[in-house]
Protein backbone atom coordinates (compact mmCIF):
# COMPACT_ATOMS: atom_id res chain seq x y z
CA UNK A 1 121.99 141.24 90.86
CA UNK A 2 122.10 138.14 88.74
CA UNK A 3 119.26 135.70 88.24
CA UNK A 4 120.97 133.18 90.49
CA UNK A 5 121.12 135.73 93.33
CA UNK A 6 117.44 136.58 92.93
CA UNK A 7 116.52 132.88 92.92
CA UNK A 8 118.62 132.37 96.06
CA UNK A 9 116.90 135.25 97.86
CA UNK A 10 113.44 134.03 96.83
CA UNK A 11 114.19 130.46 97.92
CA UNK A 12 115.58 131.73 101.22
CA UNK A 13 112.40 133.77 101.81
CA UNK A 14 110.24 130.75 100.94
CA UNK A 15 112.24 128.55 103.30
CA UNK A 16 111.89 131.04 106.15
CA UNK A 17 108.16 131.35 105.46
CA UNK A 18 107.65 127.56 105.49
CA UNK A 19 109.72 127.17 108.66
CA UNK A 20 107.66 129.91 110.32
CA UNK A 21 104.39 128.24 109.31
CA UNK A 22 105.68 124.87 110.53
CA UNK A 23 106.78 126.22 113.89
CA UNK A 24 103.44 128.02 114.26
CA UNK A 25 101.54 124.79 113.62
CA UNK A 26 103.72 122.89 116.10
CA UNK A 27 103.23 125.60 118.75
CA UNK A 28 99.48 125.52 118.13
CA UNK A 29 99.37 121.73 118.54
CA UNK A 30 101.44 121.90 121.72
CA UNK A 31 99.14 124.56 123.17
CA UNK A 32 96.10 122.40 122.37
CA UNK A 33 97.77 119.42 124.04
CA UNK A 34 98.42 121.48 127.18
CA UNK A 35 94.67 122.14 127.48
CA UNK A 36 93.78 118.45 127.18
CA UNK A 37 93.08 116.43 130.34
CA UNK A 38 95.74 114.18 131.78
CA UNK A 39 95.99 110.45 131.18
CA UNK A 40 92.94 108.64 132.64
CA UNK A 41 94.87 105.34 132.81
CA UNK A 42 97.77 106.80 134.80
CA UNK A 43 97.57 104.50 137.84
CA UNK A 44 95.83 101.61 136.11
CA UNK A 45 98.87 100.24 134.29
CA UNK A 46 101.49 100.88 136.96
CA UNK A 47 103.61 97.74 136.66
CA UNK A 48 105.98 98.63 139.50
CA UNK A 49 103.14 98.32 142.04
CA UNK A 50 102.22 94.78 140.96
CA UNK A 51 103.07 92.04 143.50
CA UNK A 52 104.99 89.87 141.00
CA UNK A 53 107.31 92.74 140.01
CA UNK A 54 109.72 91.90 142.86
CA UNK A 55 110.10 88.35 141.50
CA UNK A 56 110.53 89.42 137.87
CA UNK A 57 114.38 89.08 137.82
CA UNK A 58 114.10 85.48 139.04
CA UNK A 59 111.42 84.64 136.48
CA UNK A 60 113.45 86.38 133.77
CA UNK A 61 116.45 84.20 134.64
CA UNK A 62 114.51 81.04 133.66
CA UNK A 63 112.32 82.55 130.93
CA UNK A 64 113.96 85.47 129.08
CA UNK A 65 110.86 87.64 128.70
CA UNK A 66 112.57 90.39 126.70
CA UNK A 67 113.72 87.85 124.10
CA UNK A 68 110.27 86.24 124.12
CA UNK A 69 108.56 89.56 123.38
CA UNK A 70 110.96 90.29 120.50
CA UNK A 71 110.48 86.77 119.10
CA UNK A 72 106.66 86.95 119.25
CA UNK A 73 106.71 90.39 117.63
CA UNK A 74 108.93 89.11 114.81
CA UNK A 75 106.66 86.14 114.17
CA UNK A 76 103.59 88.41 114.06
CA UNK A 77 105.36 90.80 111.65
CA UNK A 78 106.32 87.93 109.36
CA UNK A 79 102.77 86.54 109.43
CA UNK A 80 101.26 89.96 108.62
CA UNK A 81 103.75 90.40 105.76
CA UNK A 82 102.79 86.98 104.39
CA UNK A 83 99.08 87.88 104.45
CA UNK A 84 99.72 91.23 102.73
CA UNK A 85 101.88 89.53 100.09
CA UNK A 86 99.18 86.92 99.47
CA UNK A 87 96.47 89.51 98.85
CA UNK A 88 98.69 91.78 96.74
CA UNK A 89 99.59 88.74 94.64
CA UNK A 90 95.89 87.90 94.21
CA UNK A 91 95.06 91.47 93.19
CA UNK A 92 97.90 91.66 90.68
CA UNK A 93 96.98 88.25 89.27
CA UNK A 94 93.36 89.27 88.78
CA UNK A 95 94.37 92.60 87.19
CA UNK A 96 96.89 91.13 84.80
CA UNK A 97 94.63 88.27 83.71
CA UNK A 98 91.60 90.47 83.08
CA UNK A 99 89.72 90.39 79.76
CA UNK A 100 90.80 93.91 78.74
CA UNK A 101 94.04 95.00 77.27
CA UNK A 102 97.09 96.01 79.26
CA UNK A 103 96.41 99.69 78.51
CA UNK A 104 93.05 99.45 80.30
CA UNK A 105 94.72 97.90 83.32
CA UNK A 106 97.38 100.62 83.39
CA UNK A 107 94.71 103.27 82.96
CA UNK A 108 92.78 101.75 85.86
CA UNK A 109 95.88 101.66 88.06
CA UNK A 110 96.94 105.25 87.38
CA UNK A 111 93.51 106.91 87.43
């Protein structure tokens, strides 16, 4: 058997071992979830039983709620991205304008 064949067999055995370990972990997690109690908020957030649910198509005709939810989510994502960018920019500015040399900054970043 050549070296390539031995490497193939070893990699195949390693793959089967890792897949077996992964499936065992997933089965273990699923068995733990089956022992957990059910959702305590099951009936609390039942939207179909609300009195305004019958009028929702008429309200949605004047105010497109699905579009409004997508628009608000997009605005919040853009605002969060702006805040993250602002603080990353501040951190990089303070690191690059420090008193030490660039090697110290790189050593600090990669340590």
